[in-house]
Amino acid sequence: SHFTSDSERAETVDTKIKEISSIVHKMKNWEVTVTPADNY
């Protein structure tokens, strides 16, 4: 839901695989911004 645009959600094999490939890439390279704990 968060990393696929509506225009990418097509039903042909190539576009579907492209959509899934894009999501898989995000899952293997998910960048999360973090901050350290501010108390003990």
PDB file of all heavy atoms in Angstrom:
ATOM      1  N   SER A   1       0.810  -1.223   0.000  1.00  0.00           N
ATOM      2  CA  SER A   1       0.000   0.000   0.000  1.00  0.00           C
ATOM      3  C   SER A   1       0.840   1.268   0.000  1.00  0.00           C
ATOM      4  O   SER A   1       0.403   2.305  -0.498  1.00  0.00           O
ATOM      5  CB  SER A   1      -0.941  -0.002   1.211  1.00  0.00           C
ATOM      6  OG  SER A   1      -0.201   0.008   2.427  1.00  0.00           O
ATOM      7  N   HIS A   2       2.059   1.203   0.552  1.00  0.00           N
ATOM      8  CA  HIS A   2       2.857   2.417   0.706  1.00  0.00           C
ATOM      9  C   HIS A   2       3.906   2.627  -0.390  1.00  0.00           C
ATOM     10  O   HIS A   2       4.365   3.743  -0.600  1.00  0.00           O
ATOM     11  CB  HIS A   2       3.577   2.416   2.061  1.00  0.00           C
ATOM     12  CG  HIS A   2       2.679   2.719   3.221  1.00  0.00           C
ATOM     13  ND1 HIS A   2       1.749   1.831   3.692  1.00  0.00           N
ATOM     14  CD2 HIS A   2       2.557   3.839   3.984  1.00  0.00           C
ATOM     15  CE1 HIS A   2       1.099   2.375   4.717  1.00  0.00           C
ATOM     16  NE2 HIS A   2       1.569   3.586   4.913  1.00  0.00           N
ATOM     17  N   PHE A   3       4.284   1.561  -1.075  1.00  0.00           N
ATOM     18  CA  PHE A   3       5.396   1.690  -2.020  1.00  0.00           C
ATOM     19  C   PHE A   3       5.024   1.295  -3.439  1.00  0.00           C
ATOM     20  O   PHE A   3       5.883   0.982  -4.250  1.00  0.00           O
ATOM     21  CB  PHE A   3       6.591   0.859  -1.542  1.00  0.00           C
ATOM     22  CG  PHE A   3       7.154   1.329  -0.225  1.00  0.00           C
ATOM     23  CD1 PHE A   3       7.019   0.556   0.911  1.00  0.00           C
ATOM     24  CD2 PHE A   3       7.782   2.549  -0.134  1.00  0.00           C
ATOM     25  CE1 PHE A   3       7.525   0.992   2.127  1.00  0.00           C
ATOM     26  CE2 PHE A   3       8.288   2.993   1.077  1.00  0.00           C
ATOM     27  CZ  PHE A   3       8.153   2.216   2.218  1.00  0.00           C
ATOM     28  N   THR A   4       3.712   1.314  -3.746  1.00  0.00           N
ATOM     29  CA  THR A   4       3.259   1.055  -5.100  1.00  0.00           C
ATOM     30  C   THR A   4       2.213   2.089  -5.465  1.00  0.00           C
ATOM     31  O   THR A   4       1.234   2.262  -4.738  1.00  0.00           O
ATOM     32  CB  THR A   4       2.637  -0.355  -5.224  1.00  0.00           C
ATOM     33  OG1 THR A   4       3.569  -1.317  -4.739  1.00  0.00           O
ATOM     34  CG2 THR A   4       2.312  -0.673  -6.676  1.00  0.00           C
ATOM     35  N   SER A   5       2.406   2.781  -6.576  1.00  0.00           N
ATOM     36  CA  SER A   5       1.420   3.766  -7.018  1.00  0.00           C
ATOM     37  C   SER A   5       0.302   3.058  -7.777  1.00  0.00           C
ATOM     38  O   SER A   5       0.490   1.967  -8.309  1.00  0.00           O
ATOM     39  CB  SER A   5       2.080   4.813  -7.928  1.00  0.00           C
ATOM     40  OG  SER A   5       2.530   4.203  -9.126  1.00  0.00           O
ATOM     41  N   ASP A   6      -0.878   3.672  -7.851  1.00  0.00           N
ATOM     42  CA  ASP A   6      -2.017   3.067  -8.539  1.00  0.00           C
ATOM     43  C   ASP A   6      -1.706   2.792  -9.998  1.00  0.00           C
ATOM     44  O   ASP A   6      -2.148   1.789 -10.574  1.00  0.00           O
ATOM     45  CB  ASP A   6      -3.239   3.993  -8.446  1.00  0.00           C
ATOM     46  CG  ASP A   6      -3.782   4.085  -7.016  1.00  0.00           C
ATOM     47  OD1 ASP A   6      -3.537   3.135  -6.250  1.00  0.00           O
ATOM     48  OD2 ASP A   6      -4.441   5.084  -6.701  1.00  0.00           O
ATOM     49  N   SER A   7      -0.914   3.673 -10.610  1.00  0.00           N
ATOM     50  CA  SER A   7      -0.606   3.505 -12.035  1.00  0.00           C
ATOM     51  C   SER A   7       0.240   2.272 -12.280  1.00  0.00           C
ATOM     52  O   SER A   7       0.266   1.744 -13.386  1.00  0.00           O
ATOM     53  CB  SER A   7       0.119   4.751 -12.561  1.00  0.00           C
ATOM     54  OG  SER A   7       1.353   4.927 -11.868  1.00  0.00           O
ATOM     55  N   GLU A   8       0.945   1.792 -11.261  1.00  0.00           N
ATOM     56  CA  GLU A   8       1.802   0.625 -11.438  1.00  0.00           C
ATOM     57  C   GLU A   8       1.039  -0.685 -11.303  1.00  0.00           C
ATOM     58  O   GLU A   8       1.538  -1.731 -11.640  1.00  0.00           O
ATOM     59  CB  GLU A   8       2.929   0.658 -10.398  1.00  0.00           C
ATOM     60  CG  GLU A   8       3.954   1.744 -10.618  1.00  0.00           C
ATOM     61  CD  GLU A   8       5.007   1.742  -9.525  1.00  0.00           C
ATOM     62  OE1 GLU A   8       4.625   1.704  -8.336  1.00  0.00           O
ATOM     63  OE2 GLU A   8       6.193   1.762  -9.854  1.00  0.00           O
ATOM     64  N   ARG A   9      -0.196  -0.590 -10.789  1.00  0.00           N
ATOM     65  CA  ARG A   9      -0.937  -1.810 -10.487  1.00  0.00           C
ATOM     66  C   ARG A   9      -1.661  -2.320 -11.729  1.00  0.00           C
ATOM     67  O   ARG A   9      -2.873  -2.248 -11.860  1.00  0.00           O
ATOM     68  CB  ARG A   9      -1.911  -1.562  -9.329  1.00  0.00           C
ATOM     69  CG  ARG A   9      -1.160  -1.250  -8.033  1.00  0.00           C
ATOM     70  CD  ARG A   9      -2.082  -0.968  -6.896  1.00  0.00           C
ATOM     71  NE  ARG A   9      -1.308  -0.593  -5.714  1.00  0.00           N
ATOM     72  CZ  ARG A   9      -1.837  -0.191  -4.570  1.00  0.00           C
ATOM     73  NH1 ARG A   9      -3.149  -0.115  -4.438  1.00  0.00           N
ATOM     74  NH2 ARG A   9      -1.078   0.146  -3.544  1.00  0.00           N
ATOM     75  N   ALA A  10      -0.901  -2.821 -12.647  1.00  0.00           N
ATOM     76  CA  ALA A  10      -1.453  -3.396 -13.874  1.00  0.00           C
ATOM     77  C   ALA A  10      -1.464  -4.909 -13.755  1.00  0.00           C
ATOM     78  O   ALA A  10      -0.873  -5.484 -12.858  1.00  0.00           O
ATOM     79  CB  ALA A  10      -0.613  -2.955 -15.079  1.00  0.00           C
ATOM     80  N   GLU A  11      -2.142  -5.549 -14.710  1.00  0.00           N
ATOM     81  CA  GLU A  11      -2.332  -6.989 -14.593  1.00  0.00           C
ATOM     82  C   GLU A  11      -1.507  -7.811 -15.577  1.00  0.00           C
ATOM     83  O   GLU A  11      -1.595  -9.034 -15.579  1.00  0.00           O
ATOM     84  CB  GLU A  11      -3.824  -7.319 -14.778  1.00  0.00           C
ATOM     85  CG  GLU A  11      -4.711  -6.756 -13.678  1.00  0.00           C
ATOM     86  CD  GLU A  11      -4.298  -7.218 -12.282  1.00  0.00           C
ATOM     87  OE1 GLU A  11      -3.905  -8.399 -12.137  1.00  0.00           O
ATOM     88  OE2 GLU A  11      -4.342  -6.410 -11.350  1.00  0.00           O
ATOM     89  N   THR A  12      -0.723  -7.181 -16.443  1.00  0.00           N
ATOM     90  CA  THR A  12       0.119  -7.984 -17.325  1.00  0.00           C
ATOM     91  C   THR A  12       1.268  -8.569 -16.515  1.00  0.00           C
ATOM     92  O   THR A  12       1.633  -8.051 -15.459  1.00  0.00           O
ATOM     93  CB  THR A  12       0.694  -7.124 -18.470  1.00  0.00           C
ATOM     94  OG1 THR A  12       1.592  -6.163 -17.908  1.00  0.00           O
ATOM     95  CG2 THR A  12      -0.418  -6.411 -19.219  1.00  0.00           C
ATOM     96  N   VAL A  13       1.834  -9.643 -17.001  1.00  0.00           N
ATOM     97  CA  VAL A  13       2.916 -10.303 -16.278  1.00  0.00           C
ATOM     98  C   VAL A  13       4.075  -9.351 -16.044  1.00  0.00           C
ATOM     99  O   VAL A  13       4.581  -9.221 -14.928  1.00  0.00           O
ATOM    100  CB  VAL A  13       3.405 -11.549 -17.054  1.00  0.00           C
ATOM    101  CG1 VAL A  13       4.628 -12.153 -16.366  1.00  0.00           C
ATOM    102  CG2 VAL A  13       2.296 -12.578 -17.161  1.00  0.00           C
ATOM    103  N   ASP A  14       4.500  -8.660 -17.094  1.00  0.00           N
ATOM    104  CA  ASP A  14       5.668  -7.791 -16.970  1.00  0.00           C
ATOM    105  C   ASP A  14       5.443  -6.653 -15.980  1.00  0.00           C
ATOM    106  O   ASP A  14       6.317  -6.351 -15.154  1.00  0.00           O
ATOM    107  CB  ASP A  14       6.028  -7.212 -18.338  1.00  0.00           C
ATOM    108  CG  ASP A  14       6.654  -8.263 -19.248  1.00  0.00           C
ATOM    109  OD1 ASP A  14       7.109  -9.300 -18.715  1.00  0.00           O
ATOM    110  OD2 ASP A  14       6.682  -8.043 -20.465  1.00  0.00           O
ATOM    111  N   THR A  15       4.271  -6.010 -16.048  1.00  0.00           N
ATOM    112  CA  THR A  15       4.030  -4.897 -15.133  1.00  0.00           C
ATOM    113  C   THR A  15       3.837  -5.403 -13.704  1.00  0.00           C
ATOM    114  O   THR A  15       4.244  -4.736 -12.749  1.00  0.00           O
ATOM    115  CB  THR A  15       2.795  -4.084 -15.566  1.00  0.00           C
ATOM    116  OG1 THR A  15       1.671  -4.966 -15.704  1.00  0.00           O
ATOM    117  CG2 THR A  15       3.063  -3.370 -16.880  1.00  0.00           C
ATOM    118  N   LYS A  16       3.214  -6.568 -13.577  1.00  0.00           N
ATOM    119  CA  LYS A  16       3.014  -7.124 -12.234  1.00  0.00           C
ATOM    120  C   LYS A  16       4.349  -7.507 -11.604  1.00  0.00           C
ATOM    121  O   LYS A  16       4.612  -7.225 -10.423  1.00  0.00           O
ATOM    122  CB  LYS A  16       2.105  -8.355 -12.308  1.00  0.00           C
ATOM    123  CG  LYS A  16       1.563  -8.816 -10.957  1.00  0.00           C
ATOM    124  CD  LYS A  16       0.525  -7.861 -10.439  1.00  0.00           C
ATOM    125  CE  LYS A  16      -0.147  -8.405  -9.181  1.00  0.00           C
ATOM    126  NZ  LYS A  16      -1.146  -7.451  -8.650  1.00  0.00           N
ATOM    127  N   ILE A  17       5.208  -8.142 -12.382  1.00  0.00           N
ATOM    128  CA  ILE A  17       6.532  -8.513 -11.882  1.00  0.00           C
ATOM    129  C   ILE A  17       7.347  -7.258 -11.568  1.00  0.00           C
ATOM    130  O   ILE A  17       8.080  -7.196 -10.577  1.00  0.00           O
ATOM    131  CB  ILE A  17       7.276  -9.397 -12.906  1.00  0.00           C
ATOM    132  CG1 ILE A  17       6.594 -10.771 -13.023  1.00  0.00           C
ATOM    133  CG2 ILE A  17       8.739  -9.567 -12.494  1.00  0.00           C
ATOM    134  CD1 ILE A  17       6.677 -11.614 -11.771  1.00  0.00           C
ATOM    135  N   LYS A  18       7.209  -6.225 -12.395  1.00  0.00           N
ATOM    136  CA  LYS A  18       7.912  -4.973 -12.142  1.00  0.00           C
ATOM    137  C   LYS A  18       7.451  -4.359 -10.825  1.00  0.00           C
ATOM    138  O   LYS A  18       8.261  -3.869 -10.027  1.00  0.00           O
ATOM    139  CB  LYS A  18       7.661  -3.999 -13.292  1.00  0.00           C
ATOM    140  CG  LYS A  18       8.379  -2.667 -13.123  1.00  0.00           C
ATOM    141  CD  LYS A  18       8.078  -1.726 -14.293  1.00  0.00           C
ATOM    142  CE  LYS A  18       8.770  -0.377 -14.083  1.00  0.00           C
ATOM    143  NZ  LYS A  18       8.466   0.563 -15.202  1.00  0.00           N
ATOM    144  N   GLU A  19       6.126  -4.402 -10.604  1.00  0.00           N
ATOM    145  CA  GLU A  19       5.571  -3.887  -9.354  1.00  0.00           C
ATOM    146  C   GLU A  19       6.124  -4.645  -8.155  1.00  0.00           C
ATOM    147  O   GLU A  19       6.584  -4.057  -7.168  1.00  0.00           O
ATOM    148  CB  GLU A  19       4.046  -4.017  -9.385  1.00  0.00           C
ATOM    149  CG  GLU A  19       3.365  -3.735  -8.054  1.00  0.00           C
ATOM    150  CD  GLU A  19       1.909  -4.152  -8.076  1.00  0.00           C
ATOM    151  OE1 GLU A  19       1.137  -3.593  -8.882  1.00  0.00           O
ATOM    152  OE2 GLU A  19       1.542  -5.043  -7.289  1.00  0.00           O
ATOM    153  N   ILE A  20       6.119  -5.962  -8.237  1.00  0.00           N
ATOM    154  CA  ILE A  20       6.610  -6.794  -7.136  1.00  0.00           C
ATOM    155  C   ILE A  20       8.109  -6.586  -6.938  1.00  0.00           C
ATOM    156  O   ILE A  20       8.594  -6.511  -5.806  1.00  0.00           O
ATOM    157  CB  ILE A  20       6.274  -8.274  -7.396  1.00  0.00           C
ATOM    158  CG1 ILE A  20       4.750  -8.477  -7.341  1.00  0.00           C
ATOM    159  CG2 ILE A  20       6.968  -9.174  -6.384  1.00  0.00           C
ATOM    160  CD1 ILE A  20       4.295  -9.872  -7.737  1.00  0.00           C
ATOM    161  N   SER A  21       8.846  -6.465  -8.044  1.00  0.00           N
ATOM    162  CA  SER A  21      10.295  -6.248  -7.946  1.00  0.00           C
ATOM    163  C   SER A  21      10.593  -4.954  -7.205  1.00  0.00           C
ATOM    164  O   SER A  21      11.534  -4.886  -6.399  1.00  0.00           O
ATOM    165  CB  SER A  21      10.918  -6.195  -9.350  1.00  0.00           C
ATOM    166  OG  SER A  21      10.758  -7.416 -10.015  1.00  0.00           O
ATOM    167  N   SER A  22       9.801  -3.922  -7.469  1.00  0.00           N
ATOM    168  CA  SER A  22       9.998  -2.639  -6.795  1.00  0.00           C
ATOM    169  C   SER A  22       9.771  -2.766  -5.296  1.00  0.00           C
ATOM    170  O   SER A  22      10.538  -2.222  -4.491  1.00  0.00           O
ATOM    171  CB  SER A  22       9.028  -1.607  -7.381  1.00  0.00           C
ATOM    172  OG  SER A  22       9.119  -0.389  -6.680  1.00  0.00           O
ATOM    173  N   ILE A  23       8.742  -3.523  -4.936  1.00  0.00           N
ATOM    174  CA  ILE A  23       8.449  -3.706  -3.510  1.00  0.00           C
ATOM    175  C   ILE A  23       9.530  -4.550  -2.846  1.00  0.00           C
ATOM    176  O   ILE A  23       9.979  -4.250  -1.734  1.00  0.00           O
ATOM    177  CB  ILE A  23       7.061  -4.356  -3.319  1.00  0.00           C
ATOM    178  CG1 ILE A  23       5.977  -3.460  -3.903  1.00  0.00           C
ATOM    179  CG2 ILE A  23       6.801  -4.613  -1.840  1.00  0.00           C
ATOM    180  CD1 ILE A  23       4.601  -4.085  -3.903  1.00  0.00           C
ATOM    181  N   VAL A  24       9.967  -5.599  -3.524  1.00  0.00           N
ATOM    182  CA  VAL A  24      11.014  -6.461  -2.975  1.00  0.00           C
ATOM    183  C   VAL A  24      12.285  -5.653  -2.725  1.00  0.00           C
ATOM    184  O   VAL A  24      12.960  -5.817  -1.699  1.00  0.00           O
ATOM    185  CB  VAL A  24      11.291  -7.655  -3.910  1.00  0.00           C
ATOM    186  CG1 VAL A  24      12.578  -8.378  -3.506  1.00  0.00           C
ATOM    187  CG2 VAL A  24      10.117  -8.621  -3.893  1.00  0.00           C
ATOM    188  N   HIS A  25      12.619  -4.779  -3.658  1.00  0.00           N
ATOM    189  CA  HIS A  25      13.804  -3.926  -3.489  1.00  0.00           C
ATOM    190  C   HIS A  25      13.654  -3.069  -2.237  1.00  0.00           C
ATOM    191  O   HIS A  25      14.622  -2.896  -1.476  1.00  0.00           O
ATOM    192  CB  HIS A  25      14.003  -3.044  -4.719  1.00  0.00           C
ATOM    193  CG  HIS A  25      15.184  -2.143  -4.616  1.00  0.00           C
ATOM    194  ND1 HIS A  25      16.487  -2.593  -4.762  1.00  0.00           N
ATOM    195  CD2 HIS A  25      15.267  -0.799  -4.346  1.00  0.00           C
ATOM    196  CE1 HIS A  25      17.318  -1.580  -4.593  1.00  0.00           C
ATOM    197  NE2 HIS A  25      16.604  -0.483  -4.347  1.00  0.00           N
ATOM    198  N   LYS A  26      12.463  -2.531  -2.017  1.00  0.00           N
ATOM    199  CA  LYS A  26      12.225  -1.710  -0.822  1.00  0.00           C
ATOM    200  C   LYS A  26      12.358  -2.560   0.447  1.00  0.00           C
ATOM    201  O   LYS A  26      12.922  -2.118   1.452  1.00  0.00           O
ATOM    202  CB  LYS A  26      10.823  -1.098  -0.878  1.00  0.00           C
ATOM    203  CG  LYS A  26      10.652  -0.007  -1.914  1.00  0.00           C
ATOM    204  CD  LYS A  26      11.352   1.274  -1.488  1.00  0.00           C
ATOM    205  CE  LYS A  26      11.041   2.407  -2.448  1.00  0.00           C
ATOM    206  NZ  LYS A  26      11.761   3.648  -2.068  1.00  0.00           N
ATOM    207  N   MET A  27      11.858  -3.786   0.393  1.00  0.00           N
ATOM    208  CA  MET A  27      11.910  -4.648   1.567  1.00  0.00           C
ATOM    209  C   MET A  27      13.337  -5.031   1.927  1.00  0.00           C
ATOM    210  O   MET A  27      13.655  -5.250   3.093  1.00  0.00           O
ATOM    211  CB  MET A  27      11.076  -5.912   1.341  1.00  0.00           C
ATOM    212  CG  MET A  27       9.582  -5.646   1.254  1.00  0.00           C
ATOM    213  SD  MET A  27       8.584  -7.158   1.273  1.00  0.00           S
ATOM    214  CE  MET A  27       9.211  -8.040  -0.141  1.00  0.00           C
ATOM    215  N   LYS A  28      14.185  -5.102   0.941  1.00  0.00           N
ATOM    216  CA  LYS A  28      15.579  -5.461   1.190  1.00  0.00           C
ATOM    217  C   LYS A  28      16.467  -4.237   1.411  1.00  0.00           C
ATOM    218  O   LYS A  28      17.647  -4.390   1.734  1.00  0.00           O
ATOM    219  CB  LYS A  28      16.122  -6.314   0.047  1.00  0.00           C
ATOM    220  CG  LYS A  28      15.501  -7.721   0.008  1.00  0.00           C
ATOM    221  CD  LYS A  28      16.171  -8.619  -1.011  1.00  0.00           C
ATOM    222  CE  LYS A  28      17.609  -8.945  -0.655  1.00  0.00           C
ATOM    223  NZ  LYS A  28      17.739  -9.737   0.576  1.00  0.00           N
ATOM    224  N   ASN A  29      15.895  -3.062   1.255  1.00  0.00           N
ATOM    225  CA  ASN A  29      16.656  -1.820   1.452  1.00  0.00           C
ATOM    226  C   ASN A  29      15.778  -0.773   2.145  1.00  0.00           C
ATOM    227  O   ASN A  29      15.740   0.395   1.755  1.00  0.00           O
ATOM    228  CB  ASN A  29      17.144  -1.274   0.107  1.00  0.00           C
ATOM    229  CG  ASN A  29      18.102  -2.218  -0.593  1.00  0.00           C
ATOM    230  OD1 ASN A  29      19.302  -2.193  -0.335  1.00  0.00           O
ATOM    231  ND2 ASN A  29      17.560  -3.045  -1.483  1.00  0.00           N
ATOM    232  N   TRP A  30      15.094  -1.190   3.183  1.00  0.00           N
ATOM    233  CA  TRP A  30      14.149  -0.315   3.874  1.00  0.00           C
ATOM    234  C   TRP A  30      14.914   0.633   4.789  1.00  0.00           C
ATOM    235  O   TRP A  30      15.553   0.209   5.749  1.00  0.00           O
ATOM    236  CB  TRP A  30      13.161  -1.154   4.675  1.00  0.00           C
ATOM    237  CG  TRP A  30      12.026  -0.378   5.275  1.00  0.00           C
ATOM    238  CD1 TRP A  30      11.554   0.843   4.878  1.00  0.00           C
ATOM    239  CD2 TRP A  30      11.212  -0.792   6.377  1.00  0.00           C
ATOM    240  NE1 TRP A  30      10.490   1.223   5.662  1.00  0.00           N
ATOM    241  CE2 TRP A  30      10.257   0.240   6.598  1.00  0.00           C
ATOM    242  CE3 TRP A  30      11.192  -1.910   7.193  1.00  0.00           C
ATOM    243  CZ2 TRP A  30       9.299   0.167   7.603  1.00  0.00           C
ATOM    244  CZ3 TRP A  30      10.233  -1.995   8.195  1.00  0.00           C
ATOM    245  CH2 TRP A  30       9.300  -0.965   8.392  1.00  0.00           C
ATOM    246  N   GLU A  31      14.870   1.909   4.487  1.00  0.00           N
ATOM    247  CA  GLU A  31      15.583   2.912   5.285  1.00  0.00           C
ATOM    248  C   GLU A  31      14.631   3.520   6.323  1.00  0.00           C
ATOM    249  O   GLU A  31      13.580   4.065   5.971  1.00  0.00           O
ATOM    250  CB  GLU A  31      16.173   3.993   4.389  1.00  0.00           C
ATOM    251  CG  GLU A  31      17.287   3.460   3.483  1.00  0.00           C
ATOM    252  CD  GLU A  31      18.002   4.557   2.738  1.00  0.00           C
ATOM    253  OE1 GLU A  31      17.535   5.727   2.782  1.00  0.00           O
ATOM    254  OE2 GLU A  31      19.050   4.279   2.118  1.00  0.00           O
ATOM    255  N   VAL A  32      15.031   3.392   7.577  1.00  0.00           N
ATOM    256  CA  VAL A  32      14.221   3.894   8.685  1.00  0.00           C
ATOM    257  C   VAL A  32      15.049   4.904   9.477  1.00  0.00           C
ATOM    258  O   VAL A  32      16.189   4.613   9.876  1.00  0.00           O
ATOM    259  CB  VAL A  32      13.769   2.742   9.608  1.00  0.00           C
ATOM    260  CG1 VAL A  32      12.960   3.287  10.787  1.00  0.00           C
ATOM    261  CG2 VAL A  32      12.945   1.721   8.826  1.00  0.00           C
ATOM    262  N   THR A  33      14.497   6.074   9.694  1.00  0.00           N
ATOM    263  CA  THR A  33      15.167   7.098  10.490  1.00  0.00           C
ATOM    264  C   THR A  33      14.908   6.840  11.969  1.00  0.00           C
ATOM    265  O   THR A  33      13.758   6.643  12.379  1.00  0.00           O
ATOM    266  CB  THR A  33      14.663   8.502  10.116  1.00  0.00           C
ATOM    267  OG1 THR A  33      14.932   8.734   8.725  1.00  0.00           O
ATOM    268  CG2 THR A  33      15.354   9.574  10.942  1.00  0.00           C
ATOM    269  N   VAL A  34      15.975   6.815  12.745  1.00  0.00           N
ATOM    270  CA  VAL A  34      15.853   6.512  14.170  1.00  0.00           C
ATOM    271  C   VAL A  34      16.564   7.574  15.008  1.00  0.00           C
ATOM    272  O   VAL A  34      17.447   8.270  14.518  1.00  0.00           O
ATOM    273  CB  VAL A  34      16.451   5.122  14.508  1.00  0.00           C
ATOM    274  CG1 VAL A  34      15.707   4.019  13.772  1.00  0.00           C
ATOM    275  CG2 VAL A  34      17.939   5.075  14.191  1.00  0.00           C
ATOM    276  N   THR A  35      16.165   7.660  16.257  1.00  0.00           N
ATOM    277  CA  THR A  35      16.858   8.513  17.226  1.00  0.00           C
ATOM    278  C   THR A  35      17.114   7.689  18.484  1.00  0.00           C
ATOM    279  O   THR A  35      16.353   6.764  18.800  1.00  0.00           O
ATOM    280  CB  THR A  35      16.028   9.762  17.586  1.00  0.00           C
ATOM    281  OG1 THR A  35      14.718   9.359  17.999  1.00  0.00           O
ATOM    282  CG2 THR A  35      15.909  10.682  16.391  1.00  0.00           C
ATOM    283  N   PRO A  36      18.187   7.989  19.207  1.00  0.00           N
ATOM    284  CA  PRO A  36      18.513   7.198  20.393  1.00  0.00           C
ATOM    285  C   PRO A  36      17.531   7.447  21.530  1.00  0.00           C
ATOM    286  O   PRO A  36      16.789   8.430  21.530  1.00  0.00           O
ATOM    287  CB  PRO A  36      19.917   7.682  20.763  1.00  0.00           C
ATOM    288  CG  PRO A  36      19.996   9.070  20.206  1.00  0.00           C
ATOM    289  CD  PRO A  36      19.179   9.062  18.954  1.00  0.00           C
ATOM    290  N   ALA A  37      17.538   6.557  22.496  1.00  0.00           N
ATOM    291  CA  ALA A  37      16.695   6.722  23.677  1.00  0.00           C
ATOM    292  C   ALA A  37      17.100   7.981  24.423  1.00  0.00           C
ATOM    293  O   ALA A  37      18.280   8.314  24.504  1.00  0.00           O
ATOM    294  CB  ALA A  37      16.834   5.507  24.583  1.00  0.00           C
ATOM    295  N   ASP A  38      16.120   8.694  24.978  1.00  0.00           N
ATOM    296  CA  ASP A  38      16.415   9.930  25.704  1.00  0.00           C
ATOM    297  C   ASP A  38      16.345   9.747  27.217  1.00  0.00           C
ATOM    298  O   ASP A  38      16.453  10.705  27.971  1.00  0.00           O
ATOM    299  CB  ASP A  38      15.481  11.057  25.258  1.00  0.00           C
ATOM    300  CG  ASP A  38      14.011  10.677  25.393  1.00  0.00           C
ATOM    301  OD1 ASP A  38      13.711   9.619  25.994  1.00  0.00           O
ATOM    302  OD2 ASP A  38      13.163  11.428  24.886  1.00  0.00           O
ATOM    303  N   ASN A  39      16.137   8.496  27.662  1.00  0.00           N
ATOM    304  CA  ASN A  39      16.184   8.221  29.099  1.00  0.00           C
ATOM    305  C   ASN A  39      16.602   6.763  29.295  1.00  0.00           C
ATOM    306  O   ASN A  39      16.786   6.023  28.330  1.00  0.00           O
ATOM    307  CB  ASN A  39      14.843   8.516  29.774  1.00  0.00           C
ATOM    308  CG  ASN A  39      13.711   7.670  29.208  1.00  0.00           C
ATOM    309  OD1 ASN A  39      13.766   6.444  29.204  1.00  0.00           O
ATOM    310  ND2 ASN A  39      12.664   8.332  28.728  1.00  0.00           N
ATOM    311  N   TYR A  40      16.739   6.362  30.548  1.00  0.00           N
ATOM    312  CA  TYR A  40      17.271   5.035  30.859  1.00  0.00           C
ATOM    313  C   TYR A  40      16.185   4.000  31.156  1.00  0.00           C
ATOM    314  O   TYR A  40      16.499   2.853  31.487  1.00  0.00           O
ATOM    315  CB  TYR A  40      18.196   5.130  32.078  1.00  0.00           C
ATOM    316  CG  TYR A  40      19.461   5.911  31.830  1.00  0.00           C
ATOM    317  CD1 TYR A  40      19.559   7.248  32.172  1.00  0.00           C
ATOM    318  CD2 TYR A  40      20.568   5.299  31.246  1.00  0.00           C
ATOM    319  CE1 TYR A  40      20.719   7.964  31.948  1.00  0.00           C
ATOM    320  CE2 TYR A  40      21.732   6.004  31.016  1.00  0.00           C
ATOM    321  CZ  TYR A  40      21.803   7.341  31.371  1.00  0.00           C
ATOM    322  OH  TYR A  40      22.962   8.049  31.145  1.00  0.00           O
TER     323      TYR A  40
END
